[in-house]
Amino acid sequence: MEDEVRVVRLDAELRRITGLGKSARKQLLRAGRFPQPLFLSPRARGWSLASLKKWIADRETEGPHAAQLDREAIEKVRAEQLYTRKVRRIAGEERNATPFPVQKRKKSAP
């Protein structure tokens, strides 16, 4: 049965197939350098074995430059995330800022 689709869900099996740990796969997924998962239910997802095999074959054709391309893509995503956090922090500070300066109350003398 070659038409059969096999879904890989277990972390240990993904590690065995790809050679990558969970955090490395997550970083590559965010950078667009790892196959997207199949959403099997609201809380369950997996990867088709065919997409993982294709990803491995693509890495073989990229040769030694694959790791460098991964690093560049991951650094780009990290820079975008830092920029987004900075913008959100600035926007949050502006949103919470009062239009008038807040005066501190003077402590009354005992």
PDB file of N, CA and C in Angstrom:
ATOM      1  N   MET A   1       0.833  -1.197   0.000  1.00  0.00           N
ATOM      2  CA  MET A   1       0.000   0.000   0.000  1.00  0.00           C
ATOM      3  C   MET A   1       0.871   1.251   0.000  1.00  0.00           C
ATOM      4  N   GLU A   2       1.239   1.710  -1.162  1.00  0.00           N
ATOM      5  CA  GLU A   2       2.073   2.894  -1.231  1.00  0.00           C
ATOM      6  C   GLU A   2       1.262   4.176  -1.118  1.00  0.00           C
ATOM      7  N   ASP A   3      -0.042   4.107  -1.327  1.00  0.00           N
ATOM      8  CA  ASP A   3      -0.881   5.288  -1.238  1.00  0.00           C
ATOM      9  C   ASP A   3      -1.224   5.631   0.210  1.00  0.00           C
ATOM     10  N   GLU A   4      -0.819   4.789   1.125  1.00  0.00           N
ATOM     11  CA  GLU A   4      -1.124   5.005   2.534  1.00  0.00           C
ATOM     12  C   GLU A   4      -0.342   6.205   3.081  1.00  0.00           C
ATOM     13  N   VAL A   5      -1.030   7.071   3.793  1.00  0.00           N
ATOM     14  CA  VAL A   5      -0.402   8.244   4.394  1.00  0.00           C
ATOM     15  C   VAL A   5      -0.103   7.926   5.847  1.00  0.00           C
ATOM     16  N   ARG A   6       1.141   8.141   6.243  1.00  0.00           N
ATOM     17  CA  ARG A   6       1.528   7.875   7.612  1.00  0.00           C
ATOM     18  C   ARG A   6       1.792   9.207   8.303  1.00  0.00           C
ATOM     19  N   VAL A   7       1.217   9.375   9.496  1.00  0.00           N
ATOM     20  CA  VAL A   7       1.381  10.609  10.270  1.00  0.00           C
ATOM     21  C   VAL A   7       2.292  10.332  11.457  1.00  0.00           C
ATOM     22  N   VAL A   8       3.286  11.187  11.624  1.00  0.00           N
ATOM     23  CA  VAL A   8       4.244  11.063  12.727  1.00  0.00           C
ATOM     24  C   VAL A   8       3.868  12.084  13.785  1.00  0.00           C
ATOM     25  N   ARG A   9       3.620  11.616  15.015  1.00  0.00           N
ATOM     26  CA  ARG A   9       3.207  12.516  16.088  1.00  0.00           C
ATOM     27  C   ARG A   9       4.171  12.525  17.266  1.00  0.00           C
ATOM     28  N   LEU A  10       4.814  11.434  17.540  1.00  0.00           N
ATOM     29  CA  LEU A  10       5.634  11.328  18.742  1.00  0.00           C
ATOM     30  C   LEU A  10       6.950  12.086  18.587  1.00  0.00           C
ATOM     31  N   ASP A  11       7.327  12.800  19.654  1.00  0.00           N
ATOM     32  CA  ASP A  11       8.559  13.582  19.635  1.00  0.00           C
ATOM     33  C   ASP A  11       9.769  12.687  19.394  1.00  0.00           C
ATOM     34  N   ALA A  12       9.798  11.519  20.029  1.00  0.00           N
ATOM     35  CA  ALA A  12      10.934  10.610  19.871  1.00  0.00           C
ATOM     36  C   ALA A  12      11.065  10.136  18.424  1.00  0.00           C
ATOM     37  N   GLU A  13       9.932   9.890  17.786  1.00  0.00           N
ATOM     38  CA  GLU A  13       9.970   9.441  16.395  1.00  0.00           C
ATOM     39  C   GLU A  13      10.405  10.576  15.461  1.00  0.00           C
ATOM     40  N   LEU A  14       9.921  11.783  15.733  1.00  0.00           N
ATOM     41  CA  LEU A  14      10.359  12.939  14.939  1.00  0.00           C
ATOM     42  C   LEU A  14      11.862  13.157  15.100  1.00  0.00           C
ATOM     43  N   ARG A  15      12.347  13.003  16.317  1.00  0.00           N
ATOM     44  CA  ARG A  15      13.778  13.171  16.573  1.00  0.00           C
ATOM     45  C   ARG A  15      14.580  12.103  15.817  1.00  0.00           C
ATOM     46  N   ARG A  16      14.075  10.876  15.816  1.00  0.00           N
ATOM     47  CA  ARG A  16      14.771   9.788  15.128  1.00  0.00           C
ATOM     48  C   ARG A  16      14.808  10.035  13.619  1.00  0.00           C
ATOM     49  N   ILE A  17      13.709  10.520  13.057  1.00  0.00           N
ATOM     50  CA  ILE A  17      13.621  10.734  11.608  1.00  0.00           C
ATOM     51  C   ILE A  17      14.447  11.944  11.171  1.00  0.00           C
ATOM     52  N   THR A  18      14.300  13.063  11.896  1.00  0.00           N
ATOM     53  CA  THR A  18      14.939  14.314  11.463  1.00  0.00           C
ATOM     54  C   THR A  18      16.311  14.544  12.078  1.00  0.00           C
ATOM     55  N   GLY A  19      16.542  13.980  13.250  1.00  0.00           N
ATOM     56  CA  GLY A  19      17.801  14.236  13.945  1.00  0.00           C
ATOM     57  C   GLY A  19      17.781  15.550  14.702  1.00  0.00           C
ATOM     58  N   LEU A  20      16.612  16.171  14.809  1.00  0.00           N
ATOM     59  CA  LEU A  20      16.497  17.468  15.470  1.00  0.00           C
ATOM     60  C   LEU A  20      15.670  17.354  16.740  1.00  0.00           C
ATOM     61  N   GLY A  21      16.046  18.122  17.744  1.00  0.00           N
ATOM     62  CA  GLY A  21      15.274  18.194  18.971  1.00  0.00           C
ATOM     63  C   GLY A  21      14.058  19.086  18.794  1.00  0.00           C
ATOM     64  N   LYS A  22      13.258  19.144  19.835  1.00  0.00           N
ATOM     65  CA  LYS A  22      11.995  19.883  19.787  1.00  0.00           C
ATOM     66  C   LYS A  22      12.218  21.382  19.555  1.00  0.00           C
ATOM     67  N   SER A  23      13.163  21.981  20.270  1.00  0.00           N
ATOM     68  CA  SER A  23      13.374  23.429  20.129  1.00  0.00           C
ATOM     69  C   SER A  23      13.934  23.784  18.751  1.00  0.00           C
ATOM     70  N   ALA A  24      14.803  22.943  18.216  1.00  0.00           N
ATOM     71  CA  ALA A  24      15.353  23.210  16.880  1.00  0.00           C
ATOM     72  C   ALA A  24      14.253  23.123  15.825  1.00  0.00           C
ATOM     73  N   ARG A  25      13.389  22.102  15.954  1.00  0.00           N
ATOM     74  CA  ARG A  25      12.271  21.982  15.003  1.00  0.00           C
ATOM     75  C   ARG A  25      11.346  23.189  15.102  1.00  0.00           C
ATOM     76  N   LYS A  26      11.097  23.646  16.320  1.00  0.00           N
ATOM     77  CA  LYS A  26      10.208  24.798  16.518  1.00  0.00           C
ATOM     78  C   LYS A  26      10.798  26.055  15.880  1.00  0.00           C
ATOM     79  N   GLN A  27      12.106  26.267  16.057  1.00  0.00           N
ATOM     80  CA  GLN A  27      12.748  27.432  15.457  1.00  0.00           C
ATOM     81  C   GLN A  27      12.707  27.361  13.936  1.00  0.00           C
ATOM     82  N   LEU A  28      12.989  26.191  13.377  1.00  0.00           N
ATOM     83  CA  LEU A  28      12.953  26.041  11.923  1.00  0.00           C
ATOM     84  C   LEU A  28      11.535  26.190  11.385  1.00  0.00           C
ATOM     85  N   LEU A  29      10.558  25.719  12.141  1.00  0.00           N
ATOM     86  CA  LEU A  29       9.158  25.855  11.729  1.00  0.00           C
ATOM     87  C   LEU A  29       8.768  27.326  11.666  1.00  0.00           C
ATOM     88  N   ARG A  30       9.149  28.101  12.686  1.00  0.00           N
ATOM     89  CA  ARG A  30       8.849  29.536  12.679  1.00  0.00           C
ATOM     90  C   ARG A  30       9.551  30.257  11.542  1.00  0.00           C
ATOM     91  N   ALA A  31      10.738  29.777  11.197  1.00  0.00           N
ATOM     92  CA  ALA A  31      11.510  30.410  10.129  1.00  0.00           C
ATOM     93  C   ALA A  31      11.074  29.945   8.742  1.00  0.00           C
ATOM     94  N   GLY A  32      10.137  28.985   8.689  1.00  0.00           N
ATOM     95  CA  GLY A  32       9.665  28.497   7.409  1.00  0.00           C
ATOM     96  C   GLY A  32      10.600  27.487   6.770  1.00  0.00           C
ATOM     97  N   ARG A  33      11.477  26.885   7.551  1.00  0.00           N
ATOM     98  CA  ARG A  33      12.461  25.943   7.023  1.00  0.00           C
ATOM     99  C   ARG A  33      12.172  24.502   7.453  1.00  0.00           C
ATOM    100  N   PHE A  34      10.966  24.239   7.950  1.00  0.00           N
ATOM    101  CA  PHE A  34      10.553  22.897   8.355  1.00  0.00           C
ATOM    102  C   PHE A  34       9.107  22.720   7.909  1.00  0.00           C
ATOM    103  N   PRO A  35       8.710  21.509   7.537  1.00  0.00           N
ATOM    104  CA  PRO A  35       7.336  21.305   7.050  1.00  0.00           C
ATOM    105  C   PRO A  35       6.281  21.701   8.092  1.00  0.00           C
ATOM    106  N   GLN A  36       5.184  22.251   7.612  1.00  0.00           N
ATOM    107  CA  GLN A  36       4.074  22.615   8.482  1.00  0.00           C
ATOM    108  C   GLN A  36       3.369  21.350   8.969  1.00  0.00           C
ATOM    109  N   PRO A  37       2.898  21.356  10.208  1.00  0.00           N
ATOM    110  CA  PRO A  37       2.207  20.165  10.721  1.00  0.00           C
ATOM    111  C   PRO A  37       0.788  20.065  10.176  1.00  0.00           C
ATOM    112  N   LEU A  38       0.254  18.875  10.276  1.00  0.00           N
ATOM    113  CA  LEU A  38      -1.153  18.631   9.969  1.00  0.00           C
ATOM    114  C   LEU A  38      -1.920  18.753  11.277  1.00  0.00           C
ATOM    115  N   PHE A  39      -2.980  19.514  11.296  1.00  0.00           N
ATOM    116  CA  PHE A  39      -3.775  19.669  12.506  1.00  0.00           C
ATOM    117  C   PHE A  39      -4.848  18.580  12.500  1.00  0.00           C
ATOM    118  N   LEU A  40      -4.667  17.617  13.382  1.00  0.00           N
ATOM    119  CA  LEU A  40      -5.536  16.453  13.433  1.00  0.00           C
ATOM    120  C   LEU A  40      -6.774  16.702  14.282  1.00  0.00           C
ATOM    121  N   SER A  41      -6.633  17.548  15.284  1.00  0.00           N
ATOM    122  CA  SER A  41      -7.734  17.960  16.157  1.00  0.00           C
ATOM    123  C   SER A  41      -7.303  19.285  16.768  1.00  0.00           C
ATOM    124  N   PRO A  42      -8.136  19.916  17.591  1.00  0.00           N
ATOM    125  CA  PRO A  42      -7.729  21.198  18.171  1.00  0.00           C
ATOM    126  C   PRO A  42      -6.417  21.134  18.974  1.00  0.00           C
ATOM    127  N   ARG A  43      -6.115  19.990  19.564  1.00  0.00           N
ATOM    128  CA  ARG A  43      -4.917  19.896  20.390  1.00  0.00           C
ATOM    129  C   ARG A  43      -3.867  18.921  19.862  1.00  0.00           C
ATOM    130  N   ALA A  44      -4.150  18.249  18.764  1.00  0.00           N
ATOM    131  CA  ALA A  44      -3.223  17.247  18.237  1.00  0.00           C
ATOM    132  C   ALA A  44      -2.761  17.628  16.840  1.00  0.00           C
ATOM    133  N   ARG A  45      -1.462  17.481  16.635  1.00  0.00           N
ATOM    134  CA  ARG A  45      -0.928  17.710  15.302  1.00  0.00           C
ATOM    135  C   ARG A  45       0.192  16.716  15.039  1.00  0.00           C
ATOM    136  N   GLY A  46       0.472  16.521  13.778  1.00  0.00           N
ATOM    137  CA  GLY A  46       1.511  15.589  13.376  1.00  0.00           C
ATOM    138  C   GLY A  46       2.036  15.979  12.019  1.00  0.00           C
ATOM    139  N   TRP A  47       3.039  15.275  11.574  1.00  0.00           N
ATOM    140  CA  TRP A  47       3.651  15.551  10.281  1.00  0.00           C
ATOM    141  C   TRP A  47       3.506  14.321   9.411  1.00  0.00           C
ATOM    142  N   SER A  48       3.219  14.532   8.147  1.00  0.00           N
ATOM    143  CA  SER A  48       3.148  13.387   7.244  1.00  0.00           C
ATOM    144  C   SER A  48       4.572  12.915   6.971  1.00  0.00           C
ATOM    145  N   LEU A  49       4.727  11.623   6.932  1.00  0.00           N
ATOM    146  CA  LEU A  49       6.048  11.050   6.697  1.00  0.00           C
ATOM    147  C   LEU A  49       6.582  11.479   5.339  1.00  0.00           C
ATOM    148  N   ALA A  50       5.695  11.625   4.365  1.00  0.00           N
ATOM    149  CA  ALA A  50       6.106  12.051   3.023  1.00  0.00           C
ATOM    150  C   ALA A  50       6.709  13.457   3.055  1.00  0.00           C
ATOM    151  N   SER A  51       6.099  14.383   3.830  1.00  0.00           N
ATOM    152  CA  SER A  51       6.640  15.745   3.886  1.00  0.00           C
ATOM    153  C   SER A  51       7.991  15.764   4.596  1.00  0.00           C
ATOM    154  N   LEU A  52       8.161  14.906   5.606  1.00  0.00           N
ATOM    155  CA  LEU A  52       9.457  14.829   6.290  1.00  0.00           C
ATOM    156  C   LEU A  52      10.537  14.265   5.371  1.00  0.00           C
ATOM    157  N   LYS A  53      10.176  13.242   4.583  1.00  0.00           N
ATOM    158  CA  LYS A  53      11.142  12.679   3.636  1.00  0.00           C
ATOM    159  C   LYS A  53      11.528  13.692   2.569  1.00  0.00           C
ATOM    160  N   LYS A  54      10.539  14.473   2.108  1.00  0.00           N
ATOM    161  CA  LYS A  54      10.827  15.513   1.110  1.00  0.00           C
ATOM    162  C   LYS A  54      11.738  16.574   1.701  1.00  0.00           C
ATOM    163  N   TRP A  55      11.489  16.955   2.959  1.00  0.00           N
ATOM    164  CA  TRP A  55      12.324  17.946   3.633  1.00  0.00           C
ATOM    165  C   TRP A  55      13.772  17.442   3.723  1.00  0.00           C
ATOM    166  N   ILE A  56      13.948  16.177   4.072  1.00  0.00           N
ATOM    167  CA  ILE A  56      15.293  15.599   4.167  1.00  0.00           C
ATOM    168  C   ILE A  56      15.962  15.594   2.793  1.00  0.00           C
ATOM    169  N   ALA A  57      15.219  15.231   1.755  1.00  0.00           N
ATOM    170  CA  ALA A  57      15.772  15.223   0.400  1.00  0.00           C
ATOM    171  C   ALA A  57      16.174  16.632  -0.036  1.00  0.00           C
ATOM    172  N   ASP A  58      15.360  17.624   0.310  1.00  0.00           N
ATOM    173  CA  ASP A  58      15.691  19.012  -0.016  1.00  0.00           C
ATOM    174  C   ASP A  58      16.963  19.451   0.690  1.00  0.00           C
ATOM    175  N   ARG A  59      17.125  19.032   1.927  1.00  0.00           N
ATOM    176  CA  ARG A  59      18.339  19.378   2.678  1.00  0.00           C
ATOM    177  C   ARG A  59      19.569  18.743   2.046  1.00  0.00           C
ATOM    178  N   GLU A  60      19.406  17.542   1.521  1.00  0.00           N
ATOM    179  CA  GLU A  60      20.527  16.878   0.855  1.00  0.00           C
ATOM    180  C   GLU A  60      20.930  17.637  -0.398  1.00  0.00           C
ATOM    181  N   THR A  61      19.954  18.186  -1.138  1.00  0.00           N
ATOM    182  CA  THR A  61      20.284  18.936  -2.351  1.00  0.00           C
ATOM    183  C   THR A  61      20.899  20.294  -2.012  1.00  0.00           C
ATOM    184  N   GLU A  62      20.518  20.881  -0.850  1.00  0.00           N
ATOM    185  CA  GLU A  62      21.117  22.151  -0.445  1.00  0.00           C
ATOM    186  C   GLU A  62      22.567  21.963  -0.020  1.00  0.00           C
ATOM    187  N   GLY A  63      22.894  20.763   0.401  1.00  0.00           N
ATOM    188  CA  GLY A  63      24.272  20.450   0.771  1.00  0.00           C
ATOM    189  C   GLY A  63      24.691  21.136   2.057  1.00  0.00           C
ATOM    190  N   PRO A  64      25.966  21.482   2.139  1.00  0.00           N
ATOM    191  CA  PRO A  64      26.496  22.063   3.376  1.00  0.00           C
ATOM    192  C   PRO A  64      25.949  23.457   3.682  1.00  0.00           C
ATOM    193  N   HIS A  65      25.296  24.069   2.712  1.00  0.00           N
ATOM    194  CA  HIS A  65      24.757  25.416   2.927  1.00  0.00           C
ATOM    195  C   HIS A  65      23.435  25.398   3.690  1.00  0.00           C
ATOM    196  N   ALA A  66      22.851  24.229   3.891  1.00  0.00           N
ATOM    197  CA  ALA A  66      21.559  24.126   4.571  1.00  0.00           C
ATOM    198  C   ALA A  66      21.626  24.686   5.981  1.00  0.00           C
ATOM    199  N   ALA A  67      22.673  24.361   6.719  1.00  0.00           N
ATOM    200  CA  ALA A  67      22.806  24.843   8.098  1.00  0.00           C
ATOM    201  C   ALA A  67      22.946  26.359   8.128  1.00  0.00           C
ATOM    202  N   GLN A  68      23.687  26.921   7.197  1.00  0.00           N
ATOM    203  CA  GLN A  68      23.853  28.376   7.141  1.00  0.00           C
ATOM    204  C   GLN A  68      22.530  29.050   6.808  1.00  0.00           C
ATOM    205  N   LEU A  69      21.778  28.485   5.870  1.00  0.00           N
ATOM    206  CA  LEU A  69      20.470  29.043   5.530  1.00  0.00           C
ATOM    207  C   LEU A  69      19.527  28.970   6.724  1.00  0.00           C
ATOM    208  N   ASP A  70      19.605  27.878   7.485  1.00  0.00           N
ATOM    209  CA  ASP A  70      18.783  27.746   8.695  1.00  0.00           C
ATOM    210  C   ASP A  70      19.127  28.837   9.694  1.00  0.00           C
ATOM    211  N   ARG A  71      20.414  29.033   9.944  1.00  0.00           N
ATOM    212  CA  ARG A  71      20.842  30.060  10.906  1.00  0.00           C
ATOM    213  C   ARG A  71      20.361  31.447  10.498  1.00  0.00           C
ATOM    214  N   GLU A  72      20.501  31.758   9.221  1.00  0.00           N
ATOM    215  CA  GLU A  72      20.070  33.073   8.735  1.00  0.00           C
ATOM    216  C   GLU A  72      18.567  33.259   8.894  1.00  0.00           C
ATOM    217  N   ALA A  73      17.804  32.232   8.576  1.00  0.00           N
ATOM    218  CA  ALA A  73      16.343  32.316   8.693  1.00  0.00           C
ATOM    219  C   ALA A  73      15.926  32.457  10.151  1.00  0.00           C
ATOM    220  N   ILE A  74      16.563  31.706  11.043  1.00  0.00           N
ATOM    221  CA  ILE A  74      16.237  31.773  12.473  1.00  0.00           C
ATOM    222  C   ILE A  74      16.592  33.146  13.028  1.00  0.00           C
ATOM    223  N   GLU A  75      17.744  33.691  12.658  1.00  0.00           N
ATOM    224  CA  GLU A  75      18.125  35.020  13.132  1.00  0.00           C
ATOM    225  C   GLU A  75      17.166  36.089  12.633  1.00  0.00           C
ATOM    226  N   LYS A  76      16.680  35.945  11.413  1.00  0.00           N
ATOM    227  CA  LYS A  76      15.713  36.906  10.872  1.00  0.00           C
ATOM    228  C   LYS A  76      14.422  36.866  11.680  1.00  0.00           C
ATOM    229  N   VAL A  77      13.939  35.662  12.006  1.00  0.00           N
ATOM    230  CA  VAL A  77      12.711  35.528  12.802  1.00  0.00           C
ATOM    231  C   VAL A  77      12.920  36.114  14.194  1.00  0.00           C
ATOM    232  N   ARG A  78      14.081  35.847  14.802  1.00  0.00           N
ATOM    233  CA  ARG A  78      14.367  36.391  16.137  1.00  0.00           C
ATOM    234  C   ARG A  78      14.391  37.915  16.117  1.00  0.00           C
ATOM    235  N   ALA A  79      15.001  38.488  15.091  1.00  0.00           N
ATOM    236  CA  ALA A  79      15.045  39.946  14.991  1.00  0.00           C
ATOM    237  C   ALA A  79      13.634  40.524  14.839  1.00  0.00           C
ATOM    238  N   GLU A  80      12.793  39.874  14.045  1.00  0.00           N
ATOM    239  CA  GLU A  80      11.416  40.331  13.877  1.00  0.00           C
ATOM    240  C   GLU A  80      10.640  40.232  15.190  1.00  0.00           C
ATOM    241  N   GLN A  81      10.877  39.158  15.952  1.00  0.00           N
ATOM    242  CA  GLN A  81      10.193  38.987  17.233  1.00  0.00           C
ATOM    243  C   GLN A  81      10.634  40.057  18.228  1.00  0.00           C
ATOM    244  N   LEU A  82      11.927  40.356  18.268  1.00  0.00           N
ATOM    245  CA  LEU A  82      12.417  41.396  19.175  1.00  0.00           C
ATOM    246  C   LEU A  82      11.841  42.754  18.812  1.00  0.00           C
ATOM    247  N   TYR A  83      11.788  43.045  17.509  1.00  0.00           N
ATOM    248  CA  TYR A  83      11.224  44.312  17.059  1.00  0.00           C
ATOM    249  C   TYR A  83       9.752  44.406  17.451  1.00  0.00           C
ATOM    250  N   THR A  84       9.001  43.322  17.247  1.00  0.00           N
ATOM    251  CA  THR A  84       7.576  43.308  17.593  1.00  0.00           C
ATOM    252  C   THR A  84       7.379  43.531  19.088  1.00  0.00           C
ATOM    253  N   ARG A  85       8.193  42.860  19.911  1.00  0.00           N
ATOM    254  CA  ARG A  85       8.092  43.050  21.362  1.00  0.00           C
ATOM    255  C   ARG A  85       8.379  44.493  21.751  1.00  0.00           C
ATOM    256  N   LYS A  86       9.378  45.071  21.112  1.00  0.00           N
ATOM    257  CA  LYS A  86       9.749  46.454  21.424  1.00  0.00           C
ATOM    258  C   LYS A  86       8.611  47.406  21.050  1.00  0.00           C
ATOM    259  N   VAL A  87       8.033  47.204  19.876  1.00  0.00           N
ATOM    260  CA  VAL A  87       6.928  48.061  19.435  1.00  0.00           C
ATOM    261  C   VAL A  87       5.738  47.913  20.372  1.00  0.00           C
ATOM    262  N   ARG A  88       5.427  46.679  20.760  1.00  0.00           N
ATOM    263  CA  ARG A  88       4.305  46.463  21.672  1.00  0.00           C
ATOM    264  C   ARG A  88       4.565  47.116  23.025  1.00  0.00           C
ATOM    265  N   ARG A  89       5.803  47.017  23.515  1.00  0.00           N
ATOM    266  CA  ARG A  89       6.129  47.621  24.800  1.00  0.00           C
ATOM    267  C   ARG A  89       5.988  49.144  24.731  1.00  0.00           C
ATOM    268  N   ILE A  90       6.468  49.726  23.659  1.00  0.00           N
ATOM    269  CA  ILE A  90       6.357  51.177  23.497  1.00  0.00           C
ATOM    270  C   ILE A  90       4.891  51.584  23.383  1.00  0.00           C
ATOM    271  N   ALA A  91       4.122  50.857  22.597  1.00  0.00           N
ATOM    272  CA  ALA A  91       2.702  51.164  22.434  1.00  0.00           C
ATOM    273  C   ALA A  91       1.970  51.003  23.757  1.00  0.00           C
ATOM    274  N   GLY A  92       2.333  50.003  24.532  1.00  0.00           N
ATOM    275  CA  GLY A  92       1.704  49.787  25.835  1.00  0.00           C
ATOM    276  C   GLY A  92       2.021  50.904  26.795  1.00  0.00           C
ATOM    277  N   GLU A  93       3.254  51.409  26.760  1.00  0.00           N
ATOM    278  CA  GLU A  93       3.628  52.516  27.633  1.00  0.00           C
ATOM    279  C   GLU A  93       2.864  53.775  27.243  1.00  0.00           C
ATOM    280  N   GLU A  94       2.721  53.993  25.948  1.00  0.00           N
ATOM    281  CA  GLU A  94       1.987  55.177  25.507  1.00  0.00           C
ATOM    282  C   GLU A  94       0.506  55.063  25.849  1.00  0.00           C
ATOM    283  N   ARG A  95      -0.039  53.877  25.754  1.00  0.00           N
ATOM    284  CA  ARG A  95      -1.446  53.675  26.031  1.00  0.00           C
ATOM    285  C   ARG A  95      -1.737  53.895  27.515  1.00  0.00           C
ATOM    286  N   ASN A  96      -0.811  53.517  28.378  1.00  0.00           N
ATOM    287  CA  ASN A  96      -1.017  53.644  29.812  1.00  0.00           C
ATOM    288  C   ASN A  96      -0.579  55.007  30.357  1.00  0.00           C
ATOM    289  N   ALA A  97       0.038  55.810  29.528  1.00  0.00           N
ATOM    290  CA  ALA A  97       0.514  57.111  29.990  1.00  0.00           C
ATOM    291  C   ALA A  97      -0.670  58.046  30.242  1.00  0.00           C
ATOM    292  N   THR A  98      -0.561  58.858  31.274  1.00  0.00           N
ATOM    293  CA  THR A  98      -1.619  59.823  31.576  1.00  0.00           C
ATOM    294  C   THR A  98      -1.313  61.127  30.857  1.00  0.00           C
ATOM    295  N   PRO A  99      -2.341  61.860  30.436  1.00  0.00           N
ATOM    296  CA  PRO A  99      -2.093  63.105  29.716  1.00  0.00           C
ATOM    297  C   PRO A  99      -1.536  64.209  30.616  1.00  0.00           C
ATOM    298  N   PHE A 100      -1.749  64.081  31.915  1.00  0.00           N
ATOM    299  CA  PHE A 100      -1.261  65.089  32.842  1.00  0.00           C
ATOM    300  C   PHE A 100      -0.253  64.448  33.786  1.00  0.00           C
ATOM    301  N   PRO A 101       0.745  65.187  34.187  1.00  0.00           N
ATOM    302  CA  PRO A 101       1.711  64.588  35.110  1.00  0.00           C
ATOM    303  C   PRO A 101       1.043  64.250  36.448  1.00  0.00           C
ATOM    304  N   VAL A 102       1.402  63.138  36.977  1.00  0.00           N
ATOM    305  CA  VAL A 102       0.842  62.699  38.252  1.00  0.00           C
ATOM    306  C   VAL A 102       1.668  63.323  39.368  1.00  0.00           C
ATOM    307  N   GLN A 103       0.963  63.992  40.266  1.00  0.00           N
ATOM    308  CA  GLN A 103       1.667  64.618  41.390  1.00  0.00           C
ATOM    309  C   GLN A 103       1.614  63.684  42.582  1.00  0.00           C
ATOM    310  N   LYS A 104       2.760  63.522  43.219  1.00  0.00           N
ATOM    311  CA  LYS A 104       2.807  62.686  44.390  1.00  0.00           C
ATOM    312  C   LYS A 104       2.264  63.449  45.570  1.00  0.00           C
ATOM    313  N   ARG A 105       1.564  62.759  46.432  1.00  0.00           N
ATOM    314  CA  ARG A 105       1.035  63.392  47.635  1.00  0.00           C
ATOM    315  C   ARG A 105       2.156  63.601  48.618  1.00  0.00           C
ATOM    316  N   LYS A 106       2.075  64.736  49.277  1.00  0.00           N
ATOM    317  CA  LYS A 106       3.060  65.006  50.310  1.00  0.00           C
ATOM    318  C   LYS A 106       2.636  64.278  51.578  1.00  0.00           C
ATOM    319  N   LYS A 107       3.617  63.727  52.225  1.00  0.00           N
ATOM    320  CA  LYS A 107       3.326  63.026  53.472  1.00  0.00           C
ATOM    321  C   LYS A 107       3.034  64.088  54.537  1.00  0.00           C
ATOM    322  N   SER A 108       1.996  63.842  55.306  1.00  0.00           N
ATOM    323  CA  SER A 108       1.666  64.784  56.351  1.00  0.00           C
ATOM    324  C   SER A 108       2.608  64.555  57.529  1.00  0.00           C
ATOM    325  N   ALA A 109       2.938  65.659  58.201  1.00  0.00           N
ATOM    326  CA  ALA A 109       3.853  65.587  59.350  1.00  0.00           C
ATOM    327  C   ALA A 109       3.132  64.947  60.536  1.00  0.00           C
ATOM    328  N   PRO A 110       3.794  64.092  61.284  1.00  0.00           N
ATOM    329  CA  PRO A 110       3.132  63.446  62.432  1.00  0.00           C
ATOM    330  C   PRO A 110       2.873  64.375  63.582  1.00  0.00           C
TER     331      PRO A 110
END
